[in-house]
Amino acid sequence: MNGPSPNAVHPMTGFPQVCFIRNTVDNPNIEIGEYTYYDDPDGAEDFERNVLYHYPFSGDKLVIGRFCAIARQAKFLMNGANHRLDGFSTYPFEIFGNGWESAAAAAPDYPDKGDTVVGNDVWIGYDALVMPGVTIGNGAIVAARSVVTGDVPAYAVVGGNPARVIRRRFGDEAIAALEEIAWWHWPVEQVTANLRHIVAADIDALRRCSAP
């Protein structure tokens, strides 16, 4: 066997609080990789409710890689939450129409920080909040109740409000090797065959697994 089906909604029999969310999200501006799961006993299949202010007119994307673990109540704030700050009022008059459209011509566009991108094999802890336009690198860990306002390096552990790097999980050489090996892109058969090396910390052994 090669692990659970990537097409399963609830991959753990009798444990519906864990959900492979790629199979439940239908918003074209949310892209989620295989085997990424959300753990929530109050409706794990409804992950989209935690992607906040993701209005169609904003156009930004949330992209999450493969093999990520997302804890209950983790939230992603999108660019639709932004208001203009350069005028006397921050109220978004123009979005309501009915004669208020003229406000759009009187001020520049809304702030847009771009897409929010989460790499592969990322662990996002309980009640964490990821702000718009953030990139979280492969292998990173976001501590519970953190507020991520800036980019997170690969294999960094971050925490706090605003989140700061607490430590790096491995040294420079090992991190560079892991980024090059990119085991998360392997066929699932190769992942299954080499799990003992993926979950260990022997970079040389993992290199040998990736050799053609």
C-alpha atoms as a PDB file:
ATOM      1  CA  MET A   1       0.000   0.000   0.000  1.00  0.00           C
ATOM      2  CA  ASN A   2       1.103   3.567  -0.655  1.00  0.00           C
ATOM      3  CA  GLY A   3      -0.669   5.471   2.094  1.00  0.00           C
ATOM      4  CA  PRO A   4      -4.177   6.902   2.096  1.00  0.00           C
ATOM      5  CA  SER A   5      -5.838   7.886  -1.142  1.00  0.00           C
ATOM      6  CA  PRO A   6      -5.080  11.528  -1.959  1.00  0.00           C
ATOM      7  CA  ASN A   7      -8.701  11.751  -3.099  1.00  0.00           C
ATOM      8  CA  ALA A   8     -10.132  10.843   0.300  1.00  0.00           C
ATOM      9  CA  VAL A   9     -11.974  13.587   2.158  1.00  0.00           C
ATOM     10  CA  HIS A  10     -11.507  11.973   5.579  1.00  0.00           C
ATOM     11  CA  PRO A  11      -8.440   9.720   5.268  1.00  0.00           C
ATOM     12  CA  MET A  12      -8.605   8.311   8.825  1.00  0.00           C
ATOM     13  CA  THR A  13     -11.482   5.874   9.253  1.00  0.00           C
ATOM     14  CA  GLY A  14     -13.763   6.903  12.106  1.00  0.00           C
ATOM     15  CA  PHE A  15     -11.900  10.195  12.616  1.00  0.00           C
ATOM     16  CA  PRO A  16     -13.748  12.836  10.582  1.00  0.00           C
ATOM     17  CA  GLN A  17     -12.017  15.800  12.213  1.00  0.00           C
ATOM     18  CA  VAL A  18      -9.053  15.253   9.863  1.00  0.00           C
ATOM     19  CA  CYS A  19      -9.667  16.246   6.252  1.00  0.00           C
ATOM     20  CA  PHE A  20      -7.596  16.312   3.068  1.00  0.00           C
ATOM     21  CA  ILE A  21      -8.853  19.780   2.207  1.00  0.00           C
ATOM     22  CA  ARG A  22      -7.840  19.712  -1.455  1.00  0.00           C
ATOM     23  CA  ASN A  23     -10.932  17.551  -1.948  1.00  0.00           C
ATOM     24  CA  THR A  24     -13.373  19.964  -0.336  1.00  0.00           C
ATOM     25  CA  VAL A  25     -12.316  23.379  -1.663  1.00  0.00           C
ATOM     26  CA  ASP A  26     -13.892  24.557  -4.922  1.00  0.00           C
ATOM     27  CA  ASN A  27     -12.775  28.194  -4.971  1.00  0.00           C
ATOM     28  CA  PRO A  28     -10.578  28.608  -8.076  1.00  0.00           C
ATOM     29  CA  ASN A  29      -8.378  31.072  -6.190  1.00  0.00           C
ATOM     30  CA  ILE A  30      -7.457  28.506  -3.535  1.00  0.00           C
ATOM     31  CA  GLU A  31      -4.911  25.884  -4.575  1.00  0.00           C
ATOM     32  CA  ILE A  32      -4.019  23.079  -2.175  1.00  0.00           C
ATOM     33  CA  GLY A  33      -1.600  20.206  -2.683  1.00  0.00           C
ATOM     34  CA  GLU A  34      -2.239  16.533  -2.094  1.00  0.00           C
ATOM     35  CA  TYR A  35      -2.125  15.122   1.447  1.00  0.00           C
ATOM     36  CA  THR A  36      -2.398  18.533   3.101  1.00  0.00           C
ATOM     37  CA  TYR A  37      -4.839  18.191   5.973  1.00  0.00           C
ATOM     38  CA  TYR A  38      -6.886  20.392   8.261  1.00  0.00           C
ATOM     39  CA  ASP A  39      -7.745  19.126  11.754  1.00  0.00           C
ATOM     40  CA  ASP A  40     -10.996  20.503  13.163  1.00  0.00           C
ATOM     41  CA  PRO A  41     -13.671  18.576  15.092  1.00  0.00           C
ATOM     42  CA  ASP A  42     -16.217  21.298  14.259  1.00  0.00           C
ATOM     43  CA  GLY A  43     -16.219  20.667  10.514  1.00  0.00           C
ATOM     44  CA  ALA A  44     -12.845  20.006   8.935  1.00  0.00           C
ATOM     45  CA  GLU A  45     -14.389  19.825   5.472  1.00  0.00           C
ATOM     46  CA  ASP A  46     -15.368  23.489   5.758  1.00  0.00           C
ATOM     47  CA  PHE A  47     -11.828  24.863   5.663  1.00  0.00           C
ATOM     48  CA  GLU A  48     -12.851  27.720   3.339  1.00  0.00           C
ATOM     49  CA  ARG A  49     -14.605  29.481   6.206  1.00  0.00           C
ATOM     50  CA  ASN A  50     -11.162  30.221   7.637  1.00  0.00           C
ATOM     51  CA  VAL A  51      -9.983  31.988   4.478  1.00  0.00           C
ATOM     52  CA  LEU A  52     -11.187  35.449   5.429  1.00  0.00           C
ATOM     53  CA  TYR A  53     -12.164  38.367   3.173  1.00  0.00           C
ATOM     54  CA  HIS A  54     -11.446  36.383   0.012  1.00  0.00           C
ATOM     55  CA  TYR A  55     -13.709  38.435  -2.241  1.00  0.00           C
ATOM     56  CA  PRO A  56     -13.864  37.732  -6.001  1.00  0.00           C
ATOM     57  CA  PHE A  57     -12.949  41.327  -6.829  1.00  0.00           C
ATOM     58  CA  SER A  58      -9.674  41.005  -4.906  1.00  0.00           C
ATOM     59  CA  GLY A  59      -8.295  38.360  -7.264  1.00  0.00           C
ATOM     60  CA  ASP A  60      -5.540  37.161  -4.934  1.00  0.00           C
ATOM     61  CA  LYS A  61      -4.776  33.488  -4.431  1.00  0.00           C
ATOM     62  CA  LEU A  62      -4.079  31.254  -1.470  1.00  0.00           C
ATOM     63  CA  VAL A  63      -1.611  28.548  -2.515  1.00  0.00           C
ATOM     64  CA  ILE A  64      -0.721  25.728  -0.099  1.00  0.00           C
ATOM     65  CA  GLY A  65       1.709  22.940  -0.961  1.00  0.00           C
ATOM     66  CA  ARG A  66       1.716  19.192  -0.314  1.00  0.00           C
ATOM     67  CA  PHE A  67       1.980  17.381   3.025  1.00  0.00           C
ATOM     68  CA  CYS A  68       1.061  20.402   5.167  1.00  0.00           C
ATOM     69  CA  ALA A  69      -0.609  20.108   8.577  1.00  0.00           C
ATOM     70  CA  ILE A  70      -3.024  22.893   9.505  1.00  0.00           C
ATOM     71  CA  ALA A  71      -4.436  22.975  13.013  1.00  0.00           C
ATOM     72  CA  ARG A  72      -7.882  23.980  14.162  1.00  0.00           C
ATOM     73  CA  GLN A  73      -8.841  27.665  13.838  1.00  0.00           C
ATOM     74  CA  ALA A  74      -5.798  28.600  11.781  1.00  0.00           C
ATOM     75  CA  LYS A  75      -6.878  31.495   9.568  1.00  0.00           C
ATOM     76  CA  PHE A  76      -5.710  33.181   6.394  1.00  0.00           C
ATOM     77  CA  LEU A  77      -6.528  36.860   5.975  1.00  0.00           C
ATOM     78  CA  MET A  78      -6.665  37.911   2.311  1.00  0.00           C
ATOM     79  CA  ASN A  79      -6.282  41.234   0.523  1.00  0.00           C
ATOM     80  CA  GLY A  80     -10.031  41.871   0.557  1.00  0.00           C
ATOM     81  CA  ALA A  81      -9.602  42.874   4.199  1.00  0.00           C
ATOM     82  CA  ASN A  82      -7.508  45.896   3.250  1.00  0.00           C
ATOM     83  CA  HIS A  83      -8.935  49.425   3.383  1.00  0.00           C
ATOM     84  CA  ARG A  84      -7.467  52.608   1.991  1.00  0.00           C
ATOM     85  CA  LEU A  85      -5.460  54.657   4.460  1.00  0.00           C
ATOM     86  CA  ASP A  86      -4.594  57.713   2.384  1.00  0.00           C
ATOM     87  CA  GLY A  87      -7.946  59.505   2.579  1.00  0.00           C
ATOM     88  CA  PHE A  88      -9.865  60.982   5.487  1.00  0.00           C
ATOM     89  CA  SER A  89     -12.216  57.969   5.627  1.00  0.00           C
ATOM     90  CA  THR A  90     -11.296  54.292   5.477  1.00  0.00           C
ATOM     91  CA  TYR A  91     -14.909  53.300   4.704  1.00  0.00           C
ATOM     92  CA  PRO A  92     -15.198  51.337   1.390  1.00  0.00           C
ATOM     93  CA  PHE A  93     -18.067  53.371  -0.094  1.00  0.00           C
ATOM     94  CA  GLU A  94     -17.578  52.243  -3.700  1.00  0.00           C
ATOM     95  CA  ILE A  95     -18.101  48.522  -3.100  1.00  0.00           C
ATOM     96  CA  PHE A  96     -21.755  49.189  -2.244  1.00  0.00           C
ATOM     97  CA  GLY A  97     -22.607  51.012  -5.496  1.00  0.00           C
ATOM     98  CA  ASN A  98     -25.959  52.795  -5.672  1.00  0.00           C
ATOM     99  CA  GLY A  99     -24.386  56.159  -6.328  1.00  0.00           C
ATOM    100  CA  TRP A 100     -21.287  55.607  -4.194  1.00  0.00           C
ATOM    101  CA  GLU A 101     -19.171  54.360  -7.131  1.00  0.00           C
ATOM    102  CA  SER A 102     -17.647  57.815  -7.510  1.00  0.00           C
ATOM    103  CA  ALA A 103     -15.474  57.166  -4.471  1.00  0.00           C
ATOM    104  CA  ALA A 104     -13.387  54.769  -6.585  1.00  0.00           C
ATOM    105  CA  ALA A 105     -12.230  57.565  -8.890  1.00  0.00           C
ATOM    106  CA  ALA A 106     -11.230  59.810  -6.026  1.00  0.00           C
ATOM    107  CA  ALA A 107      -8.547  57.534  -4.571  1.00  0.00           C
ATOM    108  CA  PRO A 108      -5.956  55.005  -5.752  1.00  0.00           C
ATOM    109  CA  ASP A 109      -6.533  51.259  -5.724  1.00  0.00           C
ATOM    110  CA  TYR A 110      -6.804  49.271  -2.528  1.00  0.00           C
ATOM    111  CA  PRO A 111      -3.543  47.995  -1.027  1.00  0.00           C
ATOM    112  CA  ASP A 112      -2.655  44.621  -2.536  1.00  0.00           C
ATOM    113  CA  LYS A 113       0.167  42.554  -1.097  1.00  0.00           C
ATOM    114  CA  GLY A 114      -0.201  39.744  -3.636  1.00  0.00           C
ATOM    115  CA  ASP A 115      -0.844  36.055  -3.219  1.00  0.00           C
ATOM    116  CA  THR A 116      -0.401  34.136   0.028  1.00  0.00           C
ATOM    117  CA  VAL A 117       1.841  31.119  -0.513  1.00  0.00           C
ATOM    118  CA  VAL A 118       2.499  28.260   1.905  1.00  0.00           C
ATOM    119  CA  GLY A 119       5.225  25.820   0.904  1.00  0.00           C
ATOM    120  CA  ASN A 120       5.333  22.054   1.378  1.00  0.00           C
ATOM    121  CA  ASP A 121       5.599  20.105   4.646  1.00  0.00           C
ATOM    122  CA  VAL A 122       4.578  23.185   6.665  1.00  0.00           C
ATOM    123  CA  TRP A 123       2.970  22.872  10.103  1.00  0.00           C
ATOM    124  CA  ILE A 124       0.627  25.723  11.058  1.00  0.00           C
ATOM    125  CA  GLY A 125      -0.400  25.623  14.697  1.00  0.00           C
ATOM    126  CA  TYR A 126      -3.679  26.211  16.513  1.00  0.00           C
ATOM    127  CA  ASP A 127      -5.349  29.599  16.018  1.00  0.00           C
ATOM    128  CA  ALA A 128      -2.479  31.024  13.953  1.00  0.00           C
ATOM    129  CA  LEU A 129      -3.276  33.963  11.671  1.00  0.00           C
ATOM    130  CA  VAL A 130      -1.488  34.411   8.344  1.00  0.00           C
ATOM    131  CA  MET A 131      -1.726  37.923   6.912  1.00  0.00           C
ATOM    132  CA  PRO A 132      -2.094  38.791   3.190  1.00  0.00           C
ATOM    133  CA  GLY A 133       0.797  38.372   0.792  1.00  0.00           C
ATOM    134  CA  VAL A 134       2.929  36.245   3.112  1.00  0.00           C
ATOM    135  CA  THR A 135       5.156  33.431   1.832  1.00  0.00           C
ATOM    136  CA  ILE A 136       5.904  30.584   4.245  1.00  0.00           C
ATOM    137  CA  GLY A 137       8.868  28.457   3.185  1.00  0.00           C
ATOM    138  CA  ASN A 138       9.058  24.681   2.928  1.00  0.00           C
ATOM    139  CA  GLY A 139       9.379  22.802   6.201  1.00  0.00           C
ATOM    140  CA  ALA A 140       8.520  25.802   8.370  1.00  0.00           C
ATOM    141  CA  ILE A 141       6.596  25.640  11.654  1.00  0.00           C
ATOM    142  CA  VAL A 142       4.187  28.382  12.763  1.00  0.00           C
ATOM    143  CA  ALA A 143       3.545  28.257  16.508  1.00  0.00           C
ATOM    144  CA  ALA A 144       0.041  28.319  17.963  1.00  0.00           C
ATOM    145  CA  ARG A 145      -1.643  31.742  18.050  1.00  0.00           C
ATOM    146  CA  SER A 146       1.089  33.385  16.028  1.00  0.00           C
ATOM    147  CA  VAL A 147       0.323  36.330  13.737  1.00  0.00           C
ATOM    148  CA  VAL A 148       2.430  35.951  10.605  1.00  0.00           C
ATOM    149  CA  THR A 149       2.928  39.395   9.079  1.00  0.00           C
ATOM    150  CA  GLY A 150       6.063  38.726   7.012  1.00  0.00           C
ATOM    151  CA  ASP A 151       7.718  35.970   5.015  1.00  0.00           C
ATOM    152  CA  VAL A 152       8.908  32.879   6.890  1.00  0.00           C
ATOM    153  CA  PRO A 153      12.182  31.244   5.779  1.00  0.00           C
ATOM    154  CA  ALA A 154      12.292  27.564   4.920  1.00  0.00           C
ATOM    155  CA  TYR A 155      12.675  25.305   7.963  1.00  0.00           C
ATOM    156  CA  ALA A 156      12.263  28.171  10.414  1.00  0.00           C
ATOM    157  CA  VAL A 157      10.189  27.982  13.594  1.00  0.00           C
ATOM    158  CA  VAL A 158       8.272  31.230  14.137  1.00  0.00           C
ATOM    159  CA  GLY A 159       6.024  32.414  16.912  1.00  0.00           C
ATOM    160  CA  GLY A 160       4.498  35.460  18.555  1.00  0.00           C
ATOM    161  CA  ASN A 161       2.626  38.584  17.459  1.00  0.00           C
ATOM    162  CA  PRO A 162       4.068  39.604  15.135  1.00  0.00           C
ATOM    163  CA  ALA A 163       5.705  36.235  14.492  1.00  0.00           C
ATOM    164  CA  ARG A 164       9.503  36.197  14.744  1.00  0.00           C
ATOM    165  CA  VAL A 165      12.011  33.476  13.952  1.00  0.00           C
ATOM    166  CA  ILE A 166      12.618  31.506  17.144  1.00  0.00           C
ATOM    167  CA  ARG A 167      15.140  29.149  15.629  1.00  0.00           C
ATOM    168  CA  ARG A 168      15.979  27.260  12.466  1.00  0.00           C
ATOM    169  CA  ARG A 169      15.266  23.565  12.452  1.00  0.00           C
ATOM    170  CA  PHE A 170      18.530  22.619  10.723  1.00  0.00           C
ATOM    171  CA  GLY A 171      21.779  24.182   9.566  1.00  0.00           C
ATOM    172  CA  ASP A 172      22.325  25.975   6.260  1.00  0.00           C
ATOM    173  CA  GLU A 173      23.785  22.960   4.476  1.00  0.00           C
ATOM    174  CA  ALA A 174      20.968  20.619   5.487  1.00  0.00           C
ATOM    175  CA  ILE A 175      18.291  23.173   4.566  1.00  0.00           C
ATOM    176  CA  ALA A 176      19.833  23.747   1.150  1.00  0.00           C
ATOM    177  CA  ALA A 177      19.969  19.996   0.585  1.00  0.00           C
ATOM    178  CA  LEU A 178      16.346  19.521   1.638  1.00  0.00           C
ATOM    179  CA  GLU A 179      15.226  22.265  -0.736  1.00  0.00           C
ATOM    180  CA  GLU A 180      17.148  20.577  -3.563  1.00  0.00           C
ATOM    181  CA  ILE A 181      15.913  17.066  -2.752  1.00  0.00           C
ATOM    182  CA  ALA A 182      12.297  18.313  -2.452  1.00  0.00           C
ATOM    183  CA  TRP A 183      10.991  14.906  -1.392  1.00  0.00           C
ATOM    184  CA  TRP A 184       7.432  16.293  -1.325  1.00  0.00           C
ATOM    185  CA  HIS A 185       7.435  16.247  -5.126  1.00  0.00           C
ATOM    186  CA  TRP A 186       8.395  12.561  -5.327  1.00  0.00           C
ATOM    187  CA  PRO A 187       5.848  10.017  -6.577  1.00  0.00           C
ATOM    188  CA  VAL A 188       3.929   8.612  -3.626  1.00  0.00           C
ATOM    189  CA  GLU A 189       5.530   5.187  -4.162  1.00  0.00           C
ATOM    190  CA  GLN A 190       8.963   6.726  -3.596  1.00  0.00           C
ATOM    191  CA  VAL A 191       7.729   8.607  -0.533  1.00  0.00           C
ATOM    192  CA  THR A 192       6.305   5.403   0.929  1.00  0.00           C
ATOM    193  CA  ALA A 193       9.471   3.433   0.277  1.00  0.00           C
ATOM    194  CA  ASN A 194      11.631   6.026   2.030  1.00  0.00           C
ATOM    195  CA  LEU A 195       9.500   7.168   4.946  1.00  0.00           C
ATOM    196  CA  ARG A 196      12.102   6.089   7.496  1.00  0.00           C
ATOM    197  CA  HIS A 197      14.535   8.586   5.997  1.00  0.00           C
ATOM    198  CA  ILE A 198      11.980  11.377   5.468  1.00  0.00           C
ATOM    199  CA  VAL A 199      10.966  11.370   9.136  1.00  0.00           C
ATOM    200  CA  ALA A 200      14.546  10.988  10.405  1.00  0.00           C
ATOM    201  CA  ALA A 201      17.306  13.596  10.320  1.00  0.00           C
ATOM    202  CA  ASP A 202      20.026  11.901   8.264  1.00  0.00           C
ATOM    203  CA  ILE A 203      20.488  14.144   5.220  1.00  0.00           C
ATOM    204  CA  ASP A 204      23.015  11.815   3.591  1.00  0.00           C
ATOM    205  CA  ALA A 205      20.553   8.918   3.712  1.00  0.00           C
ATOM    206  CA  LEU A 206      17.844  11.089   2.224  1.00  0.00           C
ATOM    207  CA  ARG A 207      20.211  12.170  -0.552  1.00  0.00           C
ATOM    208  CA  ARG A 208      20.814   8.529  -1.429  1.00  0.00           C
ATOM    209  CA  CYS A 209      17.045   7.973  -1.658  1.00  0.00           C
ATOM    210  CA  SER A 210      16.737  10.794  -4.166  1.00  0.00           C
ATOM    211  CA  ALA A 211      19.599   9.640  -6.392  1.00  0.00           C
ATOM    212  CA  PRO A 212      18.481   8.335  -9.816  1.00  0.00           C
END
